[in-house]
C-alpha atoms as a PDB file:
ATOM      1  CA  UNK A   1    -209.467  82.865 -70.727  1.00  0.00           C
ATOM      2  CA  UNK A   2    -210.360  85.908 -72.481  1.00  0.00           C
ATOM      3  CA  UNK A   3    -210.766  89.476 -70.864  1.00  0.00           C
ATOM      4  CA  UNK A   4    -210.237  92.784 -70.947  1.00  0.00           C
ATOM      5  CA  UNK A   5    -207.775  94.763 -68.892  1.00  0.00           C
ATOM      6  CA  UNK A   6    -208.605  94.207 -65.177  1.00  0.00           C
ATOM      7  CA  UNK A   7    -206.482  95.553 -62.052  1.00  0.00           C
ATOM      8  CA  UNK A   8    -205.166  92.773 -59.754  1.00  0.00           C
ATOM      9  CA  UNK A   9    -206.676  94.060 -56.652  1.00  0.00           C
ATOM     10  CA  UNK A  10    -210.237  95.633 -55.901  1.00  0.00           C
ATOM     11  CA  UNK A  11    -212.326  96.828 -52.945  1.00  0.00           C
ATOM     12  CA  UNK A  12    -214.783  94.498 -51.670  1.00  0.00           C
ATOM     13  CA  UNK A  13    -216.982  94.455 -48.317  1.00  0.00           C
ATOM     14  CA  UNK A  14    -214.897  92.495 -45.845  1.00  0.00           C
ATOM     15  CA  UNK A  15    -215.762  90.599 -42.474  1.00  0.00           C
ATOM     16  CA  UNK A  16    -213.794  91.571 -39.530  1.00  0.00           C
ATOM     17  CA  UNK A  17    -215.072  88.489 -37.747  1.00  0.00           C
ATOM     18  CA  UNK A  18    -218.921  87.714 -37.456  1.00  0.00           C
ATOM     19  CA  UNK A  19    -221.806  89.857 -36.040  1.00  0.00           C
ATOM     20  CA  UNK A  20    -223.166  93.141 -35.776  1.00  0.00           C
ATOM     21  CA  UNK A  21    -223.065  95.041 -39.075  1.00  0.00           C
ATOM     22  CA  UNK A  22    -219.814  96.903 -37.553  1.00  0.00           C
ATOM     23  CA  UNK A  23    -217.981  93.661 -38.541  1.00  0.00           C
ATOM     24  CA  UNK A  24    -218.600  95.002 -42.073  1.00  0.00           C
ATOM     25  CA  UNK A  25    -215.449  97.329 -43.340  1.00  0.00           C
ATOM     26  CA  UNK A  26    -213.962  98.062 -47.091  1.00  0.00           C
ATOM     27  CA  UNK A  27    -210.791  96.551 -47.984  1.00  0.00           C
ATOM     28  CA  UNK A  28    -208.533  95.412 -50.966  1.00  0.00           C
ATOM     29  CA  UNK A  29    -208.503  91.775 -52.008  1.00  0.00           C
ATOM     30  CA  UNK A  30    -207.240  90.050 -55.139  1.00  0.00           C
ATOM     31  CA  UNK A  31    -209.684  90.065 -58.300  1.00  0.00           C
ATOM     32  CA  UNK A  32    -210.775  86.898 -58.811  1.00  0.00           C
ATOM     33  CA  UNK A  33    -209.957  85.017 -62.277  1.00  0.00           C
ATOM     34  CA  UNK A  34    -212.605  83.040 -64.319  1.00  0.00           C
ATOM     35  CA  UNK A  35    -212.387  79.226 -64.767  1.00  0.00           C
ATOM     36  CA  UNK A  36    -214.010  76.944 -66.794  1.00  0.00           C
ATOM     37  CA  UNK A  37    -217.791  78.282 -67.450  1.00  0.00           C
ATOM     38  CA  UNK A  38    -217.422  80.994 -65.570  1.00  0.00           C
ATOM     39  CA  UNK A  39    -217.725  84.995 -66.435  1.00  0.00           C
ATOM     40  CA  UNK A  40    -216.009  87.567 -64.325  1.00  0.00           C
ATOM     41  CA  UNK A  41    -218.346  90.835 -63.999  1.00  0.00           C
ATOM     42  CA  UNK A  42    -217.198  94.289 -63.308  1.00  0.00           C
ATOM     43  CA  UNK A  43    -220.268  95.331 -60.782  1.00  0.00           C
ATOM     44  CA  UNK A  44    -222.022  98.150 -61.234  1.00  0.00           C
ATOM     45  CA  UNK A  45    -224.639  97.032 -58.461  1.00  0.00           C
ATOM     46  CA  UNK A  46    -225.214  94.299 -55.934  1.00  0.00           C
ATOM     47  CA  UNK A  47    -228.263  93.074 -54.021  1.00  0.00           C
ATOM     48  CA  UNK A  48    -228.702  92.992 -50.460  1.00  0.00           C
ATOM     49  CA  UNK A  49    -230.425  90.081 -49.214  1.00  0.00           C
ATOM     50  CA  UNK A  50    -231.386  88.450 -45.867  1.00  0.00           C
ATOM     51  CA  UNK A  51    -228.864  85.400 -46.397  1.00  0.00           C
ATOM     52  CA  UNK A  52    -226.167  87.958 -46.370  1.00  0.00           C
ATOM     53  CA  UNK A  53    -227.479  89.237 -43.240  1.00  0.00           C
ATOM     54  CA  UNK A  54    -227.064  85.611 -41.804  1.00  0.00           C
ATOM     55  CA  UNK A  55    -224.071  84.768 -43.081  1.00  0.00           C
ATOM     56  CA  UNK A  56    -222.472  88.207 -41.751  1.00  0.00           C
ATOM     57  CA  UNK A  57    -223.553  86.585 -38.098  1.00  0.00           C
ATOM     58  CA  UNK A  58    -221.866  83.490 -38.915  1.00  0.00           C
ATOM     59  CA  UNK A  59    -224.929  81.108 -39.587  1.00  0.00           C
ATOM     60  CA  UNK A  60    -224.660  80.895 -43.423  1.00  0.00           C
ATOM     61  CA  UNK A  61    -221.485  79.649 -44.659  1.00  0.00           C
ATOM     62  CA  UNK A  62    -221.128  79.883 -48.224  1.00  0.00           C
ATOM     63  CA  UNK A  63    -220.610  76.318 -50.237  1.00  0.00           C
ATOM     64  CA  UNK A  64    -217.474  74.833 -51.042  1.00  0.00           C
ATOM     65  CA  UNK A  65    -215.570  76.699 -53.628  1.00  0.00           C
ATOM     66  CA  UNK A  66    -217.497  80.086 -53.446  1.00  0.00           C
ATOM     67  CA  UNK A  67    -216.326  83.186 -52.497  1.00  0.00           C
ATOM     68  CA  UNK A  68    -216.008  83.612 -48.935  1.00  0.00           C
ATOM     69  CA  UNK A  69    -217.327  87.453 -49.770  1.00  0.00           C
ATOM     70  CA  UNK A  70    -221.074  88.335 -49.349  1.00  0.00           C
ATOM     71  CA  UNK A  71    -223.232  89.137 -51.763  1.00  0.00           C
ATOM     72  CA  UNK A  72    -225.732  86.577 -54.281  1.00  0.00           C
ATOM     73  CA  UNK A  73    -226.565  88.694 -56.947  1.00  0.00           C
ATOM     74  CA  UNK A  74    -225.138  91.718 -59.055  1.00  0.00           C
ATOM     75  CA  UNK A  75    -225.387  93.602 -62.498  1.00  0.00           C
ATOM     76  CA  UNK A  76    -222.664  95.133 -64.453  1.00  0.00           C
ATOM     77  CA  UNK A  77    -220.092  94.340 -67.678  1.00  0.00           C
ATOM     78  CA  UNK A  78    -218.784  91.134 -68.363  1.00  0.00           C
ATOM     79  CA  UNK A  79    -215.072  91.778 -68.882  1.00  0.00           C
ATOM     80  CA  UNK A  80    -213.203  88.174 -68.626  1.00  0.00           C
ATOM     81  CA  UNK A  81    -214.562  84.722 -69.901  1.00  0.00           C
ATOM     82  CA  UNK A  82    -213.543  81.515 -68.751  1.00  0.00           C
ATOM     83  CA  UNK A  83    -213.123  78.446 -70.928  1.00  0.00           C
ATOM     84  CA  UNK A  84    -215.541  77.030 -72.317  1.00  0.00           C
ATOM     85  CA  UNK A  85    -218.303  80.338 -72.153  1.00  0.00           C
ATOM     86  CA  UNK A  86    -219.715  80.581 -75.765  1.00  0.00           C
ATOM     87  CA  UNK A  87    -222.876  82.405 -74.612  1.00  0.00           C
ATOM     88  CA  UNK A  88    -221.525  85.862 -73.325  1.00  0.00           C
ATOM     89  CA  UNK A  89    -219.364  88.510 -75.006  1.00  0.00           C
ATOM     90  CA  UNK A  90    -216.867  90.604 -73.487  1.00  0.00           C
ATOM     91  CA  UNK A  91    -218.837  94.057 -73.160  1.00  0.00           C
ATOM     92  CA  UNK A  92    -222.357  92.747 -72.416  1.00  0.00           C
ATOM     93  CA  UNK A  93    -224.225  94.041 -69.733  1.00  0.00           C
ATOM     94  CA  UNK A  94    -225.813  91.429 -67.402  1.00  0.00           C
ATOM     95  CA  UNK A  95    -227.392  90.439 -63.919  1.00  0.00           C
ATOM     96  CA  UNK A  96    -226.375  87.539 -62.463  1.00  0.00           C
ATOM     97  CA  UNK A  97    -226.737  85.077 -59.714  1.00  0.00           C
ATOM     98  CA  UNK A  98    -223.776  84.338 -57.603  1.00  0.00           C
ATOM     99  CA  UNK A  99    -222.780  81.671 -54.906  1.00  0.00           C
ATOM    100  CA  UNK A 100    -221.353  84.531 -53.106  1.00  0.00           C
ATOM    101  CA  UNK A 101    -218.227  87.625 -53.709  1.00  0.00           C
ATOM    102  CA  UNK A 102    -220.939  90.286 -54.893  1.00  0.00           C
ATOM    103  CA  UNK A 103    -220.190  92.966 -52.469  1.00  0.00           C
ATOM    104  CA  UNK A 104    -217.033  93.643 -54.341  1.00  0.00           C
ATOM    105  CA  UNK A 105    -215.923  95.687 -57.799  1.00  0.00           C
ATOM    106  CA  UNK A 106    -216.010  92.232 -59.910  1.00  0.00           C
ATOM    107  CA  UNK A 107    -217.005  89.084 -58.915  1.00  0.00           C
ATOM    108  CA  UNK A 108    -217.813  85.643 -60.743  1.00  0.00           C
ATOM    109  CA  UNK A 109    -220.714  83.695 -61.715  1.00  0.00           C
ATOM    110  CA  UNK A 110    -221.352  80.573 -63.778  1.00  0.00           C
ATOM    111  CA  UNK A 111    -221.907  81.807 -67.065  1.00  0.00           C
ATOM    112  CA  UNK A 112    -225.456  79.767 -67.026  1.00  0.00           C
ATOM    113  CA  UNK A 113    -226.471  81.750 -64.261  1.00  0.00           C
ATOM    114  CA  UNK A 114    -226.067  85.094 -66.533  1.00  0.00           C
ATOM    115  CA  UNK A 115    -229.008  86.716 -67.947  1.00  0.00           C
ATOM    116  CA  UNK A 116    -229.019  89.858 -69.827  1.00  0.00           C
ATOM    117  CA  UNK A 117    -230.333  92.998 -68.381  1.00  0.00           C
ATOM    118  CA  UNK A 118    -234.259  93.094 -69.467  1.00  0.00           C
ATOM    119  CA  UNK A 119    -234.795  95.794 -71.669  1.00  0.00           C
ATOM    120  CA  UNK A 120    -235.871  99.635 -69.847  1.00  0.00           C
ATOM    121  CA  UNK A 121    -234.096  98.559 -66.496  1.00  0.00           C
ATOM    122  CA  UNK A 122    -231.144 100.055 -64.897  1.00  0.00           C
ATOM    123  CA  UNK A 123    -228.214  98.501 -63.679  1.00  0.00           C
ATOM    124  CA  UNK A 124    -229.285  99.292 -60.179  1.00  0.00           C
ATOM    125  CA  UNK A 125    -232.814  97.763 -60.753  1.00  0.00           C
ATOM    126  CA  UNK A 126    -231.234  94.588 -62.668  1.00  0.00           C
ATOM    127  CA  UNK A 127    -229.025  94.216 -59.295  1.00  0.00           C
ATOM    128  CA  UNK A 128    -231.993  93.471 -57.817  1.00  0.00           C
ATOM    129  CA  UNK A 129    -233.529  90.570 -59.779  1.00  0.00           C
ATOM    130  CA  UNK A 130    -231.795  87.390 -59.708  1.00  0.00           C
ATOM    131  CA  UNK A 131    -231.056  86.130 -56.038  1.00  0.00           C
ATOM    132  CA  UNK A 132    -235.291  86.835 -55.262  1.00  0.00           C
ATOM    133  CA  UNK A 133    -236.599  85.872 -58.871  1.00  0.00           C
ATOM    134  CA  UNK A 134    -234.557  82.655 -58.906  1.00  0.00           C
ATOM    135  CA  UNK A 135    -235.857  81.707 -55.416  1.00  0.00           C
ATOM    136  CA  UNK A 136    -239.660  82.438 -56.399  1.00  0.00           C
ATOM    137  CA  UNK A 137    -239.925  80.610 -59.351  1.00  0.00           C
ATOM    138  CA  UNK A 138    -238.084  77.927 -58.272  1.00  0.00           C
ATOM    139  CA  UNK A 139    -240.127  77.493 -55.390  1.00  0.00           C
ATOM    140  CA  UNK A 140    -243.604  78.927 -56.728  1.00  0.00           C
ATOM    141  CA  UNK A 141    -244.002  77.562 -59.645  1.00  0.00           C
ATOM    142  CA  UNK A 142    -241.385  74.629 -59.886  1.00  0.00           C
ATOM    143  CA  UNK A 143    -241.896  73.162 -56.320  1.00  0.00           C
ATOM    144  CA  UNK A 144    -245.547  74.485 -55.222  1.00  0.00           C
ATOM    145  CA  UNK A 145    -247.045  73.958 -58.745  1.00  0.00           C
ATOM    146  CA  UNK A 146    -249.162  77.329 -58.533  1.00  0.00           C
ATOM    147  CA  UNK A 147    -251.790  77.821 -61.188  1.00  0.00           C
ATOM    148  CA  UNK A 148    -254.136  80.259 -62.655  1.00  0.00           C
ATOM    149  CA  UNK A 149    -257.177  80.709 -60.507  1.00  0.00           C
ATOM    150  CA  UNK A 150    -255.566  79.709 -56.973  1.00  0.00           C
ATOM    151  CA  UNK A 151    -255.702  81.382 -53.800  1.00  0.00           C
ATOM    152  CA  UNK A 152    -251.883  82.005 -52.750  1.00  0.00           C
ATOM    153  CA  UNK A 153    -250.296  83.359 -49.539  1.00  0.00           C
ATOM    154  CA  UNK A 154    -247.439  84.797 -49.140  1.00  0.00           C
ATOM    155  CA  UNK A 155    -245.938  85.990 -45.337  1.00  0.00           C
ATOM    156  CA  UNK A 156    -243.805  88.925 -45.577  1.00  0.00           C
ATOM    157  CA  UNK A 157    -245.224  90.958 -48.756  1.00  0.00           C
ATOM    158  CA  UNK A 158    -243.154  93.942 -48.622  1.00  0.00           C
ATOM    159  CA  UNK A 159    -240.194  91.703 -48.791  1.00  0.00           C
ATOM    160  CA  UNK A 160    -238.112  91.538 -51.602  1.00  0.00           C
ATOM    161  CA  UNK A 161    -239.503  88.171 -52.001  1.00  0.00           C
ATOM    162  CA  UNK A 162    -242.502  89.133 -51.120  1.00  0.00           C
ATOM    163  CA  UNK A 163    -242.897  91.693 -53.286  1.00  0.00           C
ATOM    164  CA  UNK A 164    -241.689  89.736 -56.543  1.00  0.00           C
ATOM    165  CA  UNK A 165    -244.141  86.991 -55.311  1.00  0.00           C
ATOM    166  CA  UNK A 166    -247.003  89.165 -55.707  1.00  0.00           C
ATOM    167  CA  UNK A 167    -246.545  90.459 -59.071  1.00  0.00           C
ATOM    168  CA  UNK A 168    -245.386  86.692 -60.650  1.00  0.00           C
ATOM    169  CA  UNK A 169    -248.123  84.769 -59.120  1.00  0.00           C
ATOM    170  CA  UNK A 170    -250.660  87.479 -59.917  1.00  0.00           C
ATOM    171  CA  UNK A 171    -249.341  87.813 -63.445  1.00  0.00           C
ATOM    172  CA  UNK A 172    -249.610  84.312 -64.077  1.00  0.00           C
ATOM    173  CA  UNK A 173    -253.450  84.637 -62.600  1.00  0.00           C
ATOM    174  CA  UNK A 174    -253.779  83.514 -58.942  1.00  0.00           C
ATOM    175  CA  UNK A 175    -255.538  85.310 -56.293  1.00  0.00           C
ATOM    176  CA  UNK A 176    -253.325  86.871 -54.002  1.00  0.00           C
ATOM    177  CA  UNK A 177    -253.190  87.284 -50.041  1.00  0.00           C
ATOM    178  CA  UNK A 178    -250.527  88.582 -48.101  1.00  0.00           C
ATOM    179  CA  UNK A 179    -249.418  89.473 -44.419  1.00  0.00           C
ATOM    180  CA  UNK A 180    -247.561  93.087 -43.949  1.00  0.00           C
ATOM    181  CA  UNK A 181    -246.661  94.639 -40.730  1.00  0.00           C
ATOM    182  CA  UNK A 182    -247.785  98.141 -41.011  1.00  0.00           C
ATOM    183  CA  UNK A 183    -250.410 100.058 -43.342  1.00  0.00           C
ATOM    184  CA  UNK A 184    -248.084 101.809 -45.426  1.00  0.00           C
ATOM    185  CA  UNK A 185    -247.120  98.238 -46.552  1.00  0.00           C
ATOM    186  CA  UNK A 186    -250.510  96.962 -47.051  1.00  0.00           C
ATOM    187  CA  UNK A 187    -250.794  99.934 -49.725  1.00  0.00           C
ATOM    188  CA  UNK A 188    -247.732  99.127 -51.208  1.00  0.00           C
ATOM    189  CA  UNK A 189    -248.549  95.345 -51.539  1.00  0.00           C
ATOM    190  CA  UNK A 190    -251.871  96.394 -53.096  1.00  0.00           C
ATOM    191  CA  UNK A 191    -250.496  98.839 -55.590  1.00  0.00           C
ATOM    192  CA  UNK A 192    -248.516  95.836 -56.607  1.00  0.00           C
ATOM    193  CA  UNK A 193    -251.710  93.411 -57.327  1.00  0.00           C
ATOM    194  CA  UNK A 194    -252.797  91.625 -53.715  1.00  0.00           C
ATOM    195  CA  UNK A 195    -256.040  91.417 -53.763  1.00  0.00           C
ATOM    196  CA  UNK A 196    -255.907  91.068 -49.798  1.00  0.00           C
ATOM    197  CA  UNK A 197    -253.415  92.692 -47.443  1.00  0.00           C
ATOM    198  CA  UNK A 198    -253.545  91.855 -43.763  1.00  0.00           C
ATOM    199  CA  UNK A 199    -251.817  93.623 -41.100  1.00  0.00           C
ATOM    200  CA  UNK A 200    -250.817  91.078 -38.742  1.00  0.00           C
ATOM    201  CA  UNK A 201    -250.244  93.878 -36.120  1.00  0.00           C
ATOM    202  CA  UNK A 202    -253.745  94.528 -36.091  1.00  0.00           C
ATOM    203  CA  UNK A 203    -255.454  91.442 -37.351  1.00  0.00           C
ATOM    204  CA  UNK A 204    -255.244  87.714 -36.740  1.00  0.00           C
ATOM    205  CA  UNK A 205    -254.497  86.718 -40.501  1.00  0.00           C
ATOM    206  CA  UNK A 206    -255.917  83.087 -40.165  1.00  0.00           C
ATOM    207  CA  UNK A 207    -259.161  84.552 -38.783  1.00  0.00           C
ATOM    208  CA  UNK A 208    -259.146  87.116 -41.480  1.00  0.00           C
ATOM    209  CA  UNK A 209    -258.490  84.549 -44.751  1.00  0.00           C
ATOM    210  CA  UNK A 210    -260.801  81.818 -43.307  1.00  0.00           C
ATOM    211  CA  UNK A 211    -263.410  84.337 -43.206  1.00  0.00           C
ATOM    212  CA  UNK A 212    -262.701  85.976 -47.113  1.00  0.00           C
ATOM    213  CA  UNK A 213    -262.427  82.385 -48.075  1.00  0.00           C
ATOM    214  CA  UNK A 214    -265.631  81.353 -46.355  1.00  0.00           C
ATOM    215  CA  UNK A 215    -263.492  78.895 -44.557  1.00  0.00           C
ATOM    216  CA  UNK A 216    -261.851  76.985 -47.257  1.00  0.00           C
ATOM    217  CA  UNK A 217    -258.884  78.336 -46.750  1.00  0.00           C
ATOM    218  CA  UNK A 218    -255.899  78.528 -49.501  1.00  0.00           C
ATOM    219  CA  UNK A 219    -254.207  76.602 -51.817  1.00  0.00           C
ATOM    220  CA  UNK A 220    -250.477  77.378 -51.864  1.00  0.00           C
ATOM    221  CA  UNK A 221    -248.730  79.106 -49.126  1.00  0.00           C
ATOM    222  CA  UNK A 222    -244.957  80.560 -49.638  1.00  0.00           C
ATOM    223  CA  UNK A 223    -243.529  81.096 -45.906  1.00  0.00           C
ATOM    224  CA  UNK A 224    -240.285  82.786 -44.730  1.00  0.00           C
ATOM    225  CA  UNK A 225    -241.276  83.262 -40.984  1.00  0.00           C
ATOM    226  CA  UNK A 226    -241.594  79.497 -39.603  1.00  0.00           C
ATOM    227  CA  UNK A 227    -241.835  79.769 -35.649  1.00  0.00           C
ATOM    228  CA  UNK A 228    -245.474  79.806 -34.986  1.00  0.00           C
ATOM    229  CA  UNK A 229    -246.646  80.581 -38.274  1.00  0.00           C
ATOM    230  CA  UNK A 230    -245.980  76.755 -39.093  1.00  0.00           C
ATOM    231  CA  UNK A 231    -249.028  75.790 -37.623  1.00  0.00           C
ATOM    232  CA  UNK A 232    -251.179  78.494 -38.531  1.00  0.00           C
ATOM    233  CA  UNK A 233    -250.735  78.018 -42.324  1.00  0.00           C
ATOM    234  CA  UNK A 234    -252.080  74.242 -41.739  1.00  0.00           C
ATOM    235  CA  UNK A 235    -254.885  75.995 -40.404  1.00  0.00           C
ATOM    236  CA  UNK A 236    -255.258  78.526 -42.999  1.00  0.00           C
ATOM    237  CA  UNK A 237    -254.438  76.365 -45.664  1.00  0.00           C
ATOM    238  CA  UNK A 238    -256.854  74.578 -47.994  1.00  0.00           C
ATOM    239  CA  UNK A 239    -257.556  70.611 -48.342  1.00  0.00           C
ATOM    240  CA  UNK A 240    -254.716  69.762 -50.239  1.00  0.00           C
ATOM    241  CA  UNK A 241    -253.023  72.602 -50.072  1.00  0.00           C
ATOM    242  CA  UNK A 242    -248.789  72.999 -50.751  1.00  0.00           C
ATOM    243  CA  UNK A 243    -246.839  75.055 -48.403  1.00  0.00           C
ATOM    244  CA  UNK A 244    -243.139  75.711 -49.075  1.00  0.00           C
ATOM    245  CA  UNK A 245    -240.479  77.178 -46.201  1.00  0.00           C
ATOM    246  CA  UNK A 246    -237.802  79.180 -47.507  1.00  0.00           C
ATOM    247  CA  UNK A 247    -236.541  80.579 -44.322  1.00  0.00           C
ATOM    248  CA  UNK A 248    -237.396  80.432 -40.225  1.00  0.00           C
ATOM    249  CA  UNK A 249    -236.846  84.171 -39.158  1.00  0.00           C
ATOM    250  CA  UNK A 250    -239.226  83.431 -35.591  1.00  0.00           C
ATOM    251  CA  UNK A 251    -236.956  80.137 -35.607  1.00  0.00           C
ATOM    252  CA  UNK A 252    -237.869  76.614 -35.456  1.00  0.00           C
ATOM    253  CA  UNK A 253    -241.470  75.160 -34.604  1.00  0.00           C
ATOM    254  CA  UNK A 254    -242.627  73.318 -31.535  1.00  0.00           C
ATOM    255  CA  UNK A 255    -245.378  71.510 -30.618  1.00  0.00           C
ATOM    256  CA  UNK A 256    -247.472  71.460 -33.748  1.00  0.00           C
ATOM    257  CA  UNK A 257    -250.245  69.601 -34.247  1.00  0.00           C
ATOM    258  CA  UNK A 258    -249.550  67.012 -37.156  1.00  0.00           C
ATOM    259  CA  UNK A 259    -253.044  65.812 -37.111  1.00  0.00           C
ATOM    260  CA  UNK A 260    -253.697  68.804 -39.117  1.00  0.00           C
ATOM    261  CA  UNK A 261    -251.277  68.014 -41.816  1.00  0.00           C
ATOM    262  CA  UNK A 262    -252.964  64.515 -42.156  1.00  0.00           C
ATOM    263  CA  UNK A 263    -256.467  65.493 -41.937  1.00  0.00           C
ATOM    264  CA  UNK A 264    -256.345  67.965 -44.836  1.00  0.00           C
ATOM    265  CA  UNK A 265    -253.572  65.770 -46.653  1.00  0.00           C
ATOM    266  CA  UNK A 266    -251.100  68.664 -46.976  1.00  0.00           C
ATOM    267  CA  UNK A 267    -247.777  69.154 -48.517  1.00  0.00           C
ATOM    268  CA  UNK A 268    -245.435  70.931 -46.379  1.00  0.00           C
ATOM    269  CA  UNK A 269    -241.862  71.402 -48.417  1.00  0.00           C
ATOM    270  CA  UNK A 270    -238.986  73.402 -47.916  1.00  0.00           C
ATOM    271  CA  UNK A 271    -235.892  74.880 -50.109  1.00  0.00           C
ATOM    272  CA  UNK A 272    -232.311  76.921 -49.916  1.00  0.00           C
ATOM    273  CA  UNK A 273    -231.258  77.865 -53.146  1.00  0.00           C
ATOM    274  CA  UNK A 274    -227.799  78.382 -52.196  1.00  0.00           C
ATOM    275  CA  UNK A 275    -226.444  75.270 -51.834  1.00  0.00           C
ATOM    276  CA  UNK A 276    -228.669  73.620 -55.245  1.00  0.00           C
ATOM    277  CA  UNK A 277    -226.097  72.904 -58.365  1.00  0.00           C
ATOM    278  CA  UNK A 278    -225.130  74.782 -61.108  1.00  0.00           C
ATOM    279  CA  UNK A 279    -227.360  72.648 -63.098  1.00  0.00           C
ATOM    280  CA  UNK A 280    -230.642  73.146 -60.968  1.00  0.00           C
ATOM    281  CA  UNK A 281    -230.159  76.768 -61.350  1.00  0.00           C
ATOM    282  CA  UNK A 282    -229.336  77.314 -64.815  1.00  0.00           C
ATOM    283  CA  UNK A 283    -232.787  75.605 -65.759  1.00  0.00           C
ATOM    284  CA  UNK A 284    -234.002  78.403 -63.595  1.00  0.00           C
ATOM    285  CA  UNK A 285    -232.208  80.380 -65.156  1.00  0.00           C
ATOM    286  CA  UNK A 286    -233.771  79.381 -68.493  1.00  0.00           C
ATOM    287  CA  UNK A 287    -237.363  79.623 -67.372  1.00  0.00           C
ATOM    288  CA  UNK A 288    -236.826  83.534 -65.966  1.00  0.00           C
ATOM    289  CA  UNK A 289    -235.348  84.079 -69.150  1.00  0.00           C
ATOM    290  CA  UNK A 290    -238.559  82.837 -71.253  1.00  0.00           C
ATOM    291  CA  UNK A 291    -240.626  83.159 -69.370  1.00  0.00           C
ATOM    292  CA  UNK A 292    -240.438  86.145 -66.961  1.00  0.00           C
ATOM    293  CA  UNK A 293    -238.250  88.524 -68.614  1.00  0.00           C
ATOM    294  CA  UNK A 294    -240.737  89.497 -71.007  1.00  0.00           C
ATOM    295  CA  UNK A 295    -243.309  90.419 -68.171  1.00  0.00           C
ATOM    296  CA  UNK A 296    -240.193  92.734 -66.765  1.00  0.00           C
ATOM    297  CA  UNK A 297    -239.513  94.572 -70.463  1.00  0.00           C
ATOM    298  CA  UNK A 298    -243.328  95.411 -71.006  1.00  0.00           C
ATOM    299  CA  UNK A 299    -243.779  96.395 -67.277  1.00  0.00           C
ATOM    300  CA  UNK A 300    -246.084  93.875 -66.113  1.00  0.00           C
ATOM    301  CA  UNK A 301    -243.941  93.074 -63.427  1.00  0.00           C
ATOM    302  CA  UNK A 302    -241.606  95.457 -62.018  1.00  0.00           C
ATOM    303  CA  UNK A 303    -238.538  95.863 -59.630  1.00  0.00           C
ATOM    304  CA  UNK A 304    -239.888  97.357 -56.241  1.00  0.00           C
ATOM    305  CA  UNK A 305    -236.619  99.591 -55.189  1.00  0.00           C
ATOM    306  CA  UNK A 306    -236.931 100.754 -51.152  1.00  0.00           C
ATOM    307  CA  UNK A 307    -233.211 102.354 -50.975  1.00  0.00           C
ATOM    308  CA  UNK A 308    -230.017 102.424 -52.813  1.00  0.00           C
ATOM    309  CA  UNK A 309    -226.693 102.629 -50.698  1.00  0.00           C
ATOM    310  CA  UNK A 310    -223.097 103.301 -52.074  1.00  0.00           C
ATOM    311  CA  UNK A 311    -220.976 100.422 -51.279  1.00  0.00           C
ATOM    312  CA  UNK A 312    -219.117 102.356 -48.288  1.00  0.00           C
ATOM    313  CA  UNK A 313    -222.256 102.560 -46.519  1.00  0.00           C
ATOM    314  CA  UNK A 314    -222.636  98.908 -46.399  1.00  0.00           C
ATOM    315  CA  UNK A 315    -223.454  98.825 -42.907  1.00  0.00           C
ATOM    316  CA  UNK A 316    -226.469 100.997 -43.255  1.00  0.00           C
ATOM    317  CA  UNK A 317    -227.462  98.491 -46.071  1.00  0.00           C
ATOM    318  CA  UNK A 318    -227.777  95.830 -43.824  1.00  0.00           C
ATOM    319  CA  UNK A 319    -229.634  98.036 -40.658  1.00  0.00           C
ATOM    320  CA  UNK A 320    -231.975  98.664 -42.963  1.00  0.00           C
ATOM    321  CA  UNK A 321    -232.615  95.218 -44.186  1.00  0.00           C
ATOM    322  CA  UNK A 322    -232.544  93.944 -39.723  1.00  0.00           C
ATOM    323  CA  UNK A 323    -234.783  96.951 -39.022  1.00  0.00           C
ATOM    324  CA  UNK A 324    -237.529  95.305 -41.595  1.00  0.00           C
ATOM    325  CA  UNK A 325    -238.603  98.509 -42.323  1.00  0.00           C
ATOM    326  CA  UNK A 326    -238.004  97.897 -45.944  1.00  0.00           C
ATOM    327  CA  UNK A 327    -240.560  98.005 -48.697  1.00  0.00           C
ATOM    328  CA  UNK A 328    -238.978  96.015 -51.998  1.00  0.00           C
ATOM    329  CA  UNK A 329    -235.412  95.231 -52.505  1.00  0.00           C
ATOM    330  CA  UNK A 330    -232.063  97.105 -51.075  1.00  0.00           C
ATOM    331  CA  UNK A 331    -229.443  97.485 -53.465  1.00  0.00           C
ATOM    332  CA  UNK A 332    -225.244  98.656 -52.903  1.00  0.00           C
ATOM    333  CA  UNK A 333    -223.957 101.168 -55.903  1.00  0.00           C
ATOM    334  CA  UNK A 334    -220.773  99.697 -56.454  1.00  0.00           C
ATOM    335  CA  UNK A 335    -219.236 101.316 -59.887  1.00  0.00           C
END
């Protein structure tokens, strides 16, 4: 192991049980040590994501061997190299997808999930990249195979996932539809490239999309809502449409009409990123570095930041996430 001098202890966000944001507190824990194939990052900033909130509530435990601390993405400086790491050097400025542990002064990540910070981006902006970009790329392009010229619908367009999906889909030639909950959010996503932004509080998105598409529907749907949106997605999907479920914020779906799935020959799949293998995520990292990082560096795709909180104000960051008033990413400033 090679490392820059680091302290034995660090500050981190701890959970005093499970529940509301009041279970979060700042405390001290040991600085982790990199194992084979791992790097140790001195964290400058960490992204806040919906899975962090779900883990805090006790419903999304970390995979075996992962840090029990919250935090799935960070930016910072490489200060330690585990055995076998040859593609990173001490002092590199990076961002990384982590299996956990990002809400802390130091964090471990598999070396293959660590990427250079795109030229022109700040540390705070870089911390907002990995979780959403890995998720969107894996599901929208690898799993659903979105192609140029297709019609694409993403729900929750103002979320971190939504703002990322809109921009990437547009950059690769899709026609983009999205649902949002306010006029302010509709304006924001249009500025990011959405062709149609439907305020679901004021209009029936199914009727709106079928009207816009002359009842042909959309080819690809990325959904994090679930609940009654499942059957609505089947109605609004085109023949041979593809749908991916990445969350079920509205809960499980009941009494869906499977004949819609059969008659339209739909494909409805789903996935979660965190439990996947290191090798699986490494392939996503390679694709992002090759195909998406250049888009970030030439500003064809940008990081949409909602609000930045100091780590000591992590409760406020989680409250902001749960209120769903944010547009883009919420980030903790650690160092």
